[in-house]
């Protein structure tokens, strides 16, 4: 489908569930309308077949109608109901496709990248936007393997981005693997108040391993 409308740009703040783009839905809407009409027609036929089935069950014991006619009416009743159920399932699937032509923000945050352009054809799985969820950033620190064992989730961290002031953070996770070439492991640090920091910046930081008392003169 083609992108009909793009409603946000890089740097825009969005709310969870906000409409950020719309795909051309004319062909899908036509399919939905056609399926609705087919369902109405099938429902009318199923109602007639059900009435004939009731008549067959009522008159069957009396012998007024033949066994062959009874079988035909009962079969038509089951066939009509099966067609109605199939069309209902088809309508549900097409309504889901129609809903998916509205691209909604999965969470509140800030748009950090946009590849969506009006008139472009969207392929399944194609990335249209990138979102900084909740305006939150994290620092991915490369730490020598020998030091990884000393770092634990929850530790306090002071991060200094290039050209910026210090930012307080907390260790979220220590990566379970180490790069075989550099012998460094990644440590993920949450930055609740990123301040002037921006995604993609280089930064250095210090981990607070522990505290102890000492005597000074």
C-alpha atoms as a PDB file:
ATOM      1  CA  UNK A   1       0.000   0.000   0.000  1.00  0.00           C
ATOM      2  CA  UNK A   2       1.062   3.614  -0.567  1.00  0.00           C
ATOM      3  CA  UNK A   3       1.535   6.132   2.199  1.00  0.00           C
ATOM      4  CA  UNK A   4      -1.242   8.674   1.876  1.00  0.00           C
ATOM      5  CA  UNK A   5      -0.354  10.925   4.806  1.00  0.00           C
ATOM      6  CA  UNK A   6       2.570  11.379   7.228  1.00  0.00           C
ATOM      7  CA  UNK A   7       1.601  13.405  10.289  1.00  0.00           C
ATOM      8  CA  UNK A   8       4.855  13.667  12.302  1.00  0.00           C
ATOM      9  CA  UNK A   9       8.461  14.593  11.709  1.00  0.00           C
ATOM     10  CA  UNK A  10      11.792  14.102  13.456  1.00  0.00           C
ATOM     11  CA  UNK A  11      11.774  15.750  16.883  1.00  0.00           C
ATOM     12  CA  UNK A  12       7.993  15.646  17.345  1.00  0.00           C
ATOM     13  CA  UNK A  13       6.668  14.401  20.683  1.00  0.00           C
ATOM     14  CA  UNK A  14       3.907  11.808  20.298  1.00  0.00           C
ATOM     15  CA  UNK A  15       1.488  10.104  22.655  1.00  0.00           C
ATOM     16  CA  UNK A  16       0.758   6.399  22.869  1.00  0.00           C
ATOM     17  CA  UNK A  17      -1.924   5.516  20.289  1.00  0.00           C
ATOM     18  CA  UNK A  18      -1.540   8.789  18.356  1.00  0.00           C
ATOM     19  CA  UNK A  19      -2.061   8.559  14.591  1.00  0.00           C
ATOM     20  CA  UNK A  20       1.313   9.245  12.947  1.00  0.00           C
ATOM     21  CA  UNK A  21       0.729   8.036   9.373  1.00  0.00           C
ATOM     22  CA  UNK A  22      -2.068   6.739   7.152  1.00  0.00           C
ATOM     23  CA  UNK A  23      -1.908   4.288   4.260  1.00  0.00           C
ATOM     24  CA  UNK A  24      -4.209   4.408   1.231  1.00  0.00           C
ATOM     25  CA  UNK A  25      -7.104   2.156   2.268  1.00  0.00           C
ATOM     26  CA  UNK A  26      -9.444   2.520  -0.727  1.00  0.00           C
ATOM     27  CA  UNK A  27      -8.901  -1.020  -2.066  1.00  0.00           C
ATOM     28  CA  UNK A  28      -9.254  -2.617   1.379  1.00  0.00           C
ATOM     29  CA  UNK A  29     -12.369  -0.565   2.153  1.00  0.00           C
ATOM     30  CA  UNK A  30     -13.899  -1.811  -1.107  1.00  0.00           C
ATOM     31  CA  UNK A  31     -13.100  -5.407  -0.110  1.00  0.00           C
ATOM     32  CA  UNK A  32     -14.747  -4.855   3.276  1.00  0.00           C
ATOM     33  CA  UNK A  33     -17.897  -3.437   1.638  1.00  0.00           C
ATOM     34  CA  UNK A  34     -18.077  -6.334  -0.815  1.00  0.00           C
ATOM     35  CA  UNK A  35     -17.658  -8.908   1.947  1.00  0.00           C
ATOM     36  CA  UNK A  36     -20.364  -7.220   4.031  1.00  0.00           C
ATOM     37  CA  UNK A  37     -22.756  -7.450   1.080  1.00  0.00           C
ATOM     38  CA  UNK A  38     -21.884 -11.114   0.524  1.00  0.00           C
ATOM     39  CA  UNK A  39     -22.414 -11.803   4.229  1.00  0.00           C
ATOM     40  CA  UNK A  40     -25.868 -10.186   4.164  1.00  0.00           C
ATOM     41  CA  UNK A  41     -26.804 -12.268   1.136  1.00  0.00           C
ATOM     42  CA  UNK A  42     -25.479 -15.455   2.762  1.00  0.00           C
ATOM     43  CA  UNK A  43     -27.320 -14.665   5.993  1.00  0.00           C
ATOM     44  CA  UNK A  44     -30.627 -14.312   4.113  1.00  0.00           C
ATOM     45  CA  UNK A  45     -30.043 -17.634   2.345  1.00  0.00           C
ATOM     46  CA  UNK A  46     -29.112 -19.274   5.660  1.00  0.00           C
ATOM     47  CA  UNK A  47     -32.320 -17.996   7.268  1.00  0.00           C
ATOM     48  CA  UNK A  48     -34.375 -19.516   4.462  1.00  0.00           C
ATOM     49  CA  UNK A  49     -32.449 -22.794   4.726  1.00  0.00           C
ATOM     50  CA  UNK A  50     -32.996 -22.830   8.510  1.00  0.00           C
ATOM     51  CA  UNK A  51     -36.739 -22.379   8.012  1.00  0.00           C
ATOM     52  CA  UNK A  52     -36.765 -25.298   5.564  1.00  0.00           C
ATOM     53  CA  UNK A  53     -34.740 -27.346   8.039  1.00  0.00           C
ATOM     54  CA  UNK A  54     -37.258 -26.645  10.795  1.00  0.00           C
ATOM     55  CA  UNK A  55     -40.061 -27.658   8.440  1.00  0.00           C
ATOM     56  CA  UNK A  56     -38.224 -30.879   7.585  1.00  0.00           C
ATOM     57  CA  UNK A  57     -37.732 -31.781  11.265  1.00  0.00           C
ATOM     58  CA  UNK A  58     -41.392 -31.034  11.971  1.00  0.00           C
ATOM     59  CA  UNK A  59     -42.914 -32.885   9.018  1.00  0.00           C
ATOM     60  CA  UNK A  60     -40.390 -35.717   8.767  1.00  0.00           C
ATOM     61  CA  UNK A  61     -42.059 -38.108  11.224  1.00  0.00           C
ATOM     62  CA  UNK A  62     -45.432 -37.694   9.511  1.00  0.00           C
ATOM     63  CA  UNK A  63     -44.140 -38.924   6.144  1.00  0.00           C
ATOM     64  CA  UNK A  64     -45.608 -35.961   4.274  1.00  0.00           C
ATOM     65  CA  UNK A  65     -42.272 -35.266   2.559  1.00  0.00           C
ATOM     66  CA  UNK A  66     -39.737 -37.740   1.270  1.00  0.00           C
ATOM     67  CA  UNK A  67     -36.542 -38.675   3.100  1.00  0.00           C
ATOM     68  CA  UNK A  68     -34.536 -37.333   0.144  1.00  0.00           C
ATOM     69  CA  UNK A  69     -36.198 -33.909   0.444  1.00  0.00           C
ATOM     70  CA  UNK A  70     -35.570 -33.867   4.184  1.00  0.00           C
ATOM     71  CA  UNK A  71     -31.895 -34.656   3.629  1.00  0.00           C
ATOM     72  CA  UNK A  72     -31.582 -31.903   1.013  1.00  0.00           C
ATOM     73  CA  UNK A  73     -33.126 -29.289   3.313  1.00  0.00           C
ATOM     74  CA  UNK A  74     -30.983 -30.271   6.297  1.00  0.00           C
ATOM     75  CA  UNK A  75     -27.844 -30.274   4.153  1.00  0.00           C
ATOM     76  CA  UNK A  76     -28.711 -26.856   2.738  1.00  0.00           C
ATOM     77  CA  UNK A  77     -29.188 -25.567   6.284  1.00  0.00           C
ATOM     78  CA  UNK A  78     -25.714 -26.728   7.376  1.00  0.00           C
ATOM     79  CA  UNK A  79     -24.128 -25.422   4.170  1.00  0.00           C
ATOM     80  CA  UNK A  80     -25.751 -22.017   4.554  1.00  0.00           C
ATOM     81  CA  UNK A  81     -24.567 -21.664   8.153  1.00  0.00           C
ATOM     82  CA  UNK A  82     -21.031 -22.710   7.209  1.00  0.00           C
ATOM     83  CA  UNK A  83     -20.933 -20.070   4.464  1.00  0.00           C
ATOM     84  CA  UNK A  84     -22.075 -17.404   6.937  1.00  0.00           C
ATOM     85  CA  UNK A  85     -19.321 -18.354   9.390  1.00  0.00           C
ATOM     86  CA  UNK A  86     -16.690 -18.313   6.625  1.00  0.00           C
ATOM     87  CA  UNK A  87     -17.762 -14.858   5.478  1.00  0.00           C
ATOM     88  CA  UNK A  88     -17.740 -13.559   9.061  1.00  0.00           C
ATOM     89  CA  UNK A  89     -14.149 -14.731   9.461  1.00  0.00           C
ATOM     90  CA  UNK A  90     -13.224 -13.148   6.134  1.00  0.00           C
ATOM     91  CA  UNK A  91     -14.843  -9.864   7.178  1.00  0.00           C
ATOM     92  CA  UNK A  92     -12.929  -9.867  10.471  1.00  0.00           C
ATOM     93  CA  UNK A  93      -9.632 -10.384   8.625  1.00  0.00           C
ATOM     94  CA  UNK A  94     -10.365  -7.568   6.179  1.00  0.00           C
ATOM     95  CA  UNK A  95     -11.413  -5.213   8.985  1.00  0.00           C
ATOM     96  CA  UNK A  96      -8.093  -5.972  10.679  1.00  0.00           C
ATOM     97  CA  UNK A  97      -6.239  -5.106   7.462  1.00  0.00           C
ATOM     98  CA  UNK A  98      -8.248  -1.884   7.253  1.00  0.00           C
ATOM     99  CA  UNK A  99      -7.310  -0.954  10.831  1.00  0.00           C
ATOM    100  CA  UNK A 100      -3.646  -1.579  10.032  1.00  0.00           C
ATOM    101  CA  UNK A 101      -3.678   1.188   7.426  1.00  0.00           C
ATOM    102  CA  UNK A 102      -3.606   3.585  10.391  1.00  0.00           C
ATOM    103  CA  UNK A 103      -0.072   3.702  11.820  1.00  0.00           C
ATOM    104  CA  UNK A 104      -0.250   4.479  15.551  1.00  0.00           C
ATOM    105  CA  UNK A 105       2.532   5.363  17.968  1.00  0.00           C
ATOM    106  CA  UNK A 106       3.270   2.241  20.066  1.00  0.00           C
ATOM    107  CA  UNK A 107       4.302   4.375  23.047  1.00  0.00           C
ATOM    108  CA  UNK A 108       4.761   7.973  24.123  1.00  0.00           C
ATOM    109  CA  UNK A 109       8.086   9.526  23.211  1.00  0.00           C
ATOM    110  CA  UNK A 110      10.002  11.525  20.619  1.00  0.00           C
ATOM    111  CA  UNK A 111      10.414  10.669  16.926  1.00  0.00           C
ATOM    112  CA  UNK A 112      14.169  10.265  16.353  1.00  0.00           C
ATOM    113  CA  UNK A 113      14.186   9.111  12.705  1.00  0.00           C
ATOM    114  CA  UNK A 114      11.724   9.002   9.806  1.00  0.00           C
ATOM    115  CA  UNK A 115      11.960   7.079   6.559  1.00  0.00           C
ATOM    116  CA  UNK A 116       8.256   7.389   5.665  1.00  0.00           C
ATOM    117  CA  UNK A 117       7.499   9.570   2.634  1.00  0.00           C
ATOM    118  CA  UNK A 118       4.093  10.409   1.182  1.00  0.00           C
ATOM    119  CA  UNK A 119       3.430   8.341  -1.941  1.00  0.00           C
ATOM    120  CA  UNK A 120       5.979   5.673  -1.063  1.00  0.00           C
ATOM    121  CA  UNK A 121       4.975   2.016  -1.279  1.00  0.00           C
ATOM    122  CA  UNK A 122       5.264   0.319   2.113  1.00  0.00           C
ATOM    123  CA  UNK A 123       6.566  -3.243   2.183  1.00  0.00           C
ATOM    124  CA  UNK A 124       5.762  -5.724   4.995  1.00  0.00           C
ATOM    125  CA  UNK A 125       8.183  -5.216   7.897  1.00  0.00           C
ATOM    126  CA  UNK A 126       9.544  -1.932   6.556  1.00  0.00           C
ATOM    127  CA  UNK A 127      10.703   0.596   9.165  1.00  0.00           C
ATOM    128  CA  UNK A 128       8.835   3.902   8.920  1.00  0.00           C
ATOM    129  CA  UNK A 129       9.853   5.692  12.130  1.00  0.00           C
ATOM    130  CA  UNK A 130      12.145   5.371  15.118  1.00  0.00           C
ATOM    131  CA  UNK A 131      10.894   6.394  18.520  1.00  0.00           C
ATOM    132  CA  UNK A 132      12.729   7.292  21.721  1.00  0.00           C
ATOM    133  CA  UNK A 133      10.232   5.698  24.096  1.00  0.00           C
ATOM    134  CA  UNK A 134       9.286   8.009  26.931  1.00  0.00           C
ATOM    135  CA  UNK A 135      12.083  10.370  25.898  1.00  0.00           C
ATOM    136  CA  UNK A 136      14.420   7.903  27.624  1.00  0.00           C
ATOM    137  CA  UNK A 137      18.066   7.318  26.659  1.00  0.00           C
ATOM    138  CA  UNK A 138      20.606   4.735  27.774  1.00  0.00           C
ATOM    139  CA  UNK A 139      24.401   4.676  27.756  1.00  0.00           C
ATOM    140  CA  UNK A 140      26.022   1.560  26.333  1.00  0.00           C
ATOM    141  CA  UNK A 141      29.425   1.360  27.971  1.00  0.00           C
ATOM    142  CA  UNK A 142      32.224  -0.868  26.724  1.00  0.00           C
ATOM    143  CA  UNK A 143      33.931  -2.316  29.799  1.00  0.00           C
ATOM    144  CA  UNK A 144      36.979  -4.649  29.889  1.00  0.00           C
ATOM    145  CA  UNK A 145      36.039  -8.246  30.611  1.00  0.00           C
ATOM    146  CA  UNK A 146      38.153  -8.283  33.791  1.00  0.00           C
ATOM    147  CA  UNK A 147      35.975  -5.530  35.302  1.00  0.00           C
ATOM    148  CA  UNK A 148      32.542  -6.877  34.357  1.00  0.00           C
ATOM    149  CA  UNK A 149      32.240  -9.078  37.453  1.00  0.00           C
ATOM    150  CA  UNK A 150      32.385  -5.974  39.670  1.00  0.00           C
ATOM    151  CA  UNK A 151      29.361  -4.350  38.025  1.00  0.00           C
ATOM    152  CA  UNK A 152      25.813  -5.165  39.134  1.00  0.00           C
ATOM    153  CA  UNK A 153      22.363  -3.885  38.096  1.00  0.00           C
ATOM    154  CA  UNK A 154      21.289  -0.897  40.173  1.00  0.00           C
ATOM    155  CA  UNK A 155      24.779   0.576  40.630  1.00  0.00           C
ATOM    156  CA  UNK A 156      25.022   4.360  40.410  1.00  0.00           C
ATOM    157  CA  UNK A 157      26.814   5.805  37.372  1.00  0.00           C
ATOM    158  CA  UNK A 158      27.973   9.296  36.443  1.00  0.00           C
ATOM    159  CA  UNK A 159      28.011   9.806  32.661  1.00  0.00           C
ATOM    160  CA  UNK A 160      29.689  12.734  30.909  1.00  0.00           C
ATOM    161  CA  UNK A 161      28.669  13.194  27.242  1.00  0.00           C
ATOM    162  CA  UNK A 162      30.880  15.088  24.838  1.00  0.00           C
ATOM    163  CA  UNK A 163      30.564  18.806  25.525  1.00  0.00           C
ATOM    164  CA  UNK A 164      27.932  18.312  28.214  1.00  0.00           C
ATOM    165  CA  UNK A 165      27.543  18.198  31.972  1.00  0.00           C
ATOM    166  CA  UNK A 166      27.420  15.089  34.159  1.00  0.00           C
ATOM    167  CA  UNK A 167      24.285  12.913  34.067  1.00  0.00           C
ATOM    168  CA  UNK A 168      23.236  10.502  36.801  1.00  0.00           C
ATOM    169  CA  UNK A 169      22.218   6.990  35.798  1.00  0.00           C
ATOM    170  CA  UNK A 170      21.784   3.418  37.009  1.00  0.00           C
ATOM    171  CA  UNK A 171      23.095   0.135  35.611  1.00  0.00           C
ATOM    172  CA  UNK A 172      20.179  -1.663  33.983  1.00  0.00           C
ATOM    173  CA  UNK A 173      21.907  -4.773  32.698  1.00  0.00           C
ATOM    174  CA  UNK A 174      25.342  -6.277  32.141  1.00  0.00           C
ATOM    175  CA  UNK A 175      25.598  -8.101  28.809  1.00  0.00           C
ATOM    176  CA  UNK A 176      25.990 -11.890  29.173  1.00  0.00           C
ATOM    177  CA  UNK A 177      28.638 -12.087  26.406  1.00  0.00           C
ATOM    178  CA  UNK A 178      32.015 -10.489  25.659  1.00  0.00           C
ATOM    179  CA  UNK A 179      33.243  -9.410  22.222  1.00  0.00           C
ATOM    180  CA  UNK A 180      35.911 -11.908  21.132  1.00  0.00           C
ATOM    181  CA  UNK A 181      37.953  -9.288  19.266  1.00  0.00           C
ATOM    182  CA  UNK A 182      38.036  -6.408  21.762  1.00  0.00           C
ATOM    183  CA  UNK A 183      37.516  -8.477  24.954  1.00  0.00           C
ATOM    184  CA  UNK A 184      35.016  -5.830  26.075  1.00  0.00           C
ATOM    185  CA  UNK A 185      31.487  -6.352  27.312  1.00  0.00           C
ATOM    186  CA  UNK A 186      28.524  -3.983  27.099  1.00  0.00           C
ATOM    187  CA  UNK A 187      26.933  -2.464  30.168  1.00  0.00           C
ATOM    188  CA  UNK A 188      23.536  -0.790  29.721  1.00  0.00           C
ATOM    189  CA  UNK A 189      22.917   2.294  31.889  1.00  0.00           C
ATOM    190  CA  UNK A 190      19.526   4.017  32.144  1.00  0.00           C
ATOM    191  CA  UNK A 191      19.581   7.820  32.004  1.00  0.00           C
ATOM    192  CA  UNK A 192      16.231   9.008  33.442  1.00  0.00           C
ATOM    193  CA  UNK A 193      17.152  12.687  32.915  1.00  0.00           C
ATOM    194  CA  UNK A 194      19.373  12.763  29.791  1.00  0.00           C
ATOM    195  CA  UNK A 195      19.613  16.555  29.710  1.00  0.00           C
ATOM    196  CA  UNK A 196      21.706  17.681  26.743  1.00  0.00           C
ATOM    197  CA  UNK A 197      22.655  14.126  25.740  1.00  0.00           C
ATOM    198  CA  UNK A 198      21.541  12.963  22.305  1.00  0.00           C
ATOM    199  CA  UNK A 199      21.226   9.534  20.739  1.00  0.00           C
ATOM    200  CA  UNK A 200      24.457   8.583  18.955  1.00  0.00           C
ATOM    201  CA  UNK A 201      26.772  10.712  21.125  1.00  0.00           C
ATOM    202  CA  UNK A 202      30.001   9.363  22.575  1.00  0.00           C
ATOM    203  CA  UNK A 203      30.311   9.597  26.360  1.00  0.00           C
ATOM    204  CA  UNK A 204      32.521   8.465  29.187  1.00  0.00           C
ATOM    205  CA  UNK A 205      31.375   7.470  32.635  1.00  0.00           C
ATOM    206  CA  UNK A 206      32.320   6.326  36.108  1.00  0.00           C
ATOM    207  CA  UNK A 207      30.711   3.461  38.034  1.00  0.00           C
ATOM    208  CA  UNK A 208      30.316   3.741  41.776  1.00  0.00           C
ATOM    209  CA  UNK A 209      31.672   0.329  42.811  1.00  0.00           C
ATOM    210  CA  UNK A 210      31.261   0.942  46.532  1.00  0.00           C
ATOM    211  CA  UNK A 211      31.831   3.258  49.476  1.00  0.00           C
ATOM    212  CA  UNK A 212      34.034   2.960  52.546  1.00  0.00           C
ATOM    213  CA  UNK A 213      35.046   5.138  55.504  1.00  0.00           C
ATOM    214  CA  UNK A 214      38.566   6.445  55.864  1.00  0.00           C
ATOM    215  CA  UNK A 215      40.613   8.641  58.163  1.00  0.00           C
ATOM    216  CA  UNK A 216      41.978  11.909  56.882  1.00  0.00           C
ATOM    217  CA  UNK A 217      44.255  14.531  58.430  1.00  0.00           C
END
